[in-house]
Structure formats: structure tokens, C-alpha cells
Amino acid sequence: MLRVMHRLYNDEAGFIISAELVLVLTIAVLAMIVGLSEVAVAVNTELNDVSNAIGALNQSYCFTGFKASCDGKTKSYVAGSSFQDSYDDCDLNTTCDLVTGTAYVGTEGW
């Protein structure tokens, strides 16, 4: 029994979890949590930029009509049409609550 205990005491093939290793792993996990939190904020900010770009698109359109006649009679006629894009609630995120780190987003272009 004494011989087995002596061999176990002198064994250096493995490692023992020490206070230093626990401290280093704790710091590493906390740093990873903070880093992933910052990545999430950065992704949300970029997605907010994409939504602002899509919300700023003007989808208005207009096309003119035409009228063709022959000998005083109307052969064909197409009326023109138009659509005016109006301001929506979440265009440029002025009314939506978003946590993005942006200070102010205005509606100067509207």
C-alpha cells in the first residue's frame, strides 16, 4: 500500500485542477460572454442599418396613358396610373424601440 501511495505521489502524467486554472477559466468564460454580447449588439446595429435602408426606399411609381384614334374614332385608350409612397410607422425606426447604440435617426428625407 505504501508503494502505491508513493507512486501516486510521484506521478506527473496528469494534472490537478488548481486554483490558478479555475481562475483562468473563469476569466476566459467571462471574456467570452462579454465578447458575444458585443457581437450581438454589432449584428443588431447592422441589421438596423439594413432596415433603415429598406425603409428609405421610395416605392412611388407613375406611368402615362395613351390614346389612339383613327377617323375620329378611338381605337385604343389606356389611362395613366400613379402611386405615392407614404411614410410608414417603422420607416427609419423613429417610433420603434430598438437597442442599437444609435443616438438619433431623423426623417429629413421625408
Protein backbone atom coordinates (compact mmCIF):
# COMPACT_ATOMS: atom_id res chain seq x y z
CA MET A 1 0.00 0.00 0.00
CA LEU A 2 2.84 2.35 0.83
CA ARG A 3 4.42 1.64 -2.53
CA VAL A 4 1.16 2.54 -4.39
CA MET A 5 0.83 5.80 -2.47
CA HIS A 6 4.48 6.64 -3.23
CA ARG A 7 3.92 6.01 -6.98
CA LEU A 8 0.73 8.13 -6.93
CA TYR A 9 2.56 10.94 -5.14
CA ASN A 10 5.38 10.93 -7.74
CA ASP A 11 3.06 10.56 -10.76
CA GLU A 12 3.25 13.56 -13.11
CA ALA A 13 1.42 12.10 -16.10
CA GLY A 14 -1.76 14.14 -15.48
CA PHE A 15 -2.64 17.47 -13.92
CA ILE A 16 -4.60 18.59 -10.94
CA ILE A 17 -7.19 21.34 -11.29
CA SER A 18 -5.70 24.09 -9.23
CA ALA A 19 -6.99 27.46 -8.13
CA GLU A 20 -4.97 29.14 -10.88
CA LEU A 21 -6.59 27.03 -13.59
CA VAL A 22 -10.06 27.73 -12.20
CA LEU A 23 -9.29 31.45 -12.13
CA VAL A 24 -8.00 31.46 -15.73
CA LEU A 25 -11.01 29.51 -16.99
CA THR A 26 -13.40 31.83 -15.13
CA ILE A 27 -11.80 34.89 -16.70
CA ALA A 28 -11.89 33.24 -20.13
CA VAL A 29 -15.60 32.41 -19.83
CA LEU A 30 -16.45 35.93 -18.65
CA ALA A 31 -14.47 37.44 -21.53
CA MET A 32 -16.28 35.17 -23.98
CA ILE A 33 -19.67 36.22 -22.60
CA VAL A 34 -18.79 39.91 -22.92
CA GLY A 35 -17.41 39.37 -26.43
CA LEU A 36 -20.52 37.53 -27.60
CA SER A 37 -22.69 40.27 -26.12
CA GLU A 38 -20.79 42.88 -28.14
CA VAL A 39 -21.13 40.75 -31.27
CA ALA A 40 -24.90 40.60 -30.71
CA VAL A 41 -25.09 44.40 -30.37
CA ALA A 42 -22.98 44.84 -33.53
CA VAL A 43 -25.21 42.46 -35.51
CA ASN A 44 -28.35 44.25 -34.30
CA THR A 45 -26.84 47.60 -35.29
CA GLU A 46 -26.02 46.38 -38.78
CA LEU A 47 -29.48 44.86 -39.21
CA ASN A 48 -30.94 48.18 -38.10
CA ASP A 49 -28.89 49.89 -40.83
CA VAL A 50 -30.29 47.45 -43.38
CA SER A 51 -33.84 48.10 -42.19
CA ASN A 52 -33.23 51.86 -42.42
CA ALA A 53 -32.01 51.44 -45.99
CA ILE A 54 -35.06 49.39 -46.93
CA GLY A 55 -37.40 51.83 -45.16
CA ALA A 56 -35.84 54.77 -47.01
CA LEU A 57 -36.61 53.30 -50.43
CA ASN A 58 -39.24 55.30 -52.29
CA GLN A 59 -41.67 52.89 -53.91
CA SER A 60 -43.71 55.52 -55.75
CA TYR A 61 -44.37 54.95 -59.43
CA CYS A 62 -46.20 56.60 -62.29
CA PHE A 63 -46.85 55.79 -65.91
CA THR A 64 -48.67 57.80 -68.55
CA GLY A 65 -51.56 56.60 -70.62
CA PHE A 66 -52.07 56.85 -74.33
CA LYS A 67 -54.94 57.28 -76.75
CA ALA A 68 -55.02 56.24 -80.38
CA SER A 69 -57.74 57.28 -82.79
CA CYS A 70 -58.47 56.86 -86.46
CA ASP A 71 -61.02 58.88 -88.47
CA GLY A 72 -62.28 60.49 -85.28
CA LYS A 73 -62.93 57.16 -83.59
CA THR A 74 -60.97 55.94 -80.59
CA LYS A 75 -59.07 52.76 -81.42
CA SER A 76 -57.43 52.21 -78.06
CA TYR A 77 -57.08 54.03 -74.82
CA VAL A 78 -55.09 53.31 -71.64
CA ALA A 79 -55.36 55.58 -68.64
CA GLY A 80 -52.26 56.50 -66.75
CA SER A 81 -51.72 55.48 -63.16
CA SER A 82 -49.68 56.56 -60.20
CA PHE A 83 -48.95 55.57 -56.63
CA GLN A 84 -47.44 57.81 -53.97
CA ASP A 85 -45.48 56.03 -51.27
CA SER A 86 -46.39 57.38 -47.84
CA TYR A 87 -44.48 57.34 -44.58
CA ASP A 88 -44.93 54.11 -42.59
CA ASP A 89 -44.65 53.68 -38.82
CA CYS A 90 -41.25 51.98 -38.72
CA ASP A 91 -39.57 53.76 -41.64
CA LEU A 92 -36.21 54.97 -40.36
CA ASN A 93 -37.09 53.49 -36.92
CA THR A 94 -38.30 56.76 -35.43
CA THR A 95 -41.15 55.16 -33.48
CA CYS A 96 -39.79 51.67 -32.83
CA ASP A 97 -37.88 50.86 -29.65
CA LEU A 98 -34.54 49.42 -30.73
CA VAL A 99 -31.43 48.98 -28.64
CA THR A 100 -28.77 49.71 -31.22
CA GLY A 101 -26.47 52.33 -29.81
CA THR A 102 -27.56 54.97 -32.32
CA ALA A 103 -28.18 58.37 -30.80
CA TYR A 104 -30.71 59.78 -33.28
CA VAL A 105 -32.21 58.80 -36.60
CA GLY A 106 -34.06 61.62 -38.33
CA THR A 107 -36.62 61.86 -41.07
CA GLU A 108 -35.09 64.71 -43.05
CA GLY A 109 -35.62 62.93 -46.37
CA TRP A 110 -39.39 62.64 -45.97
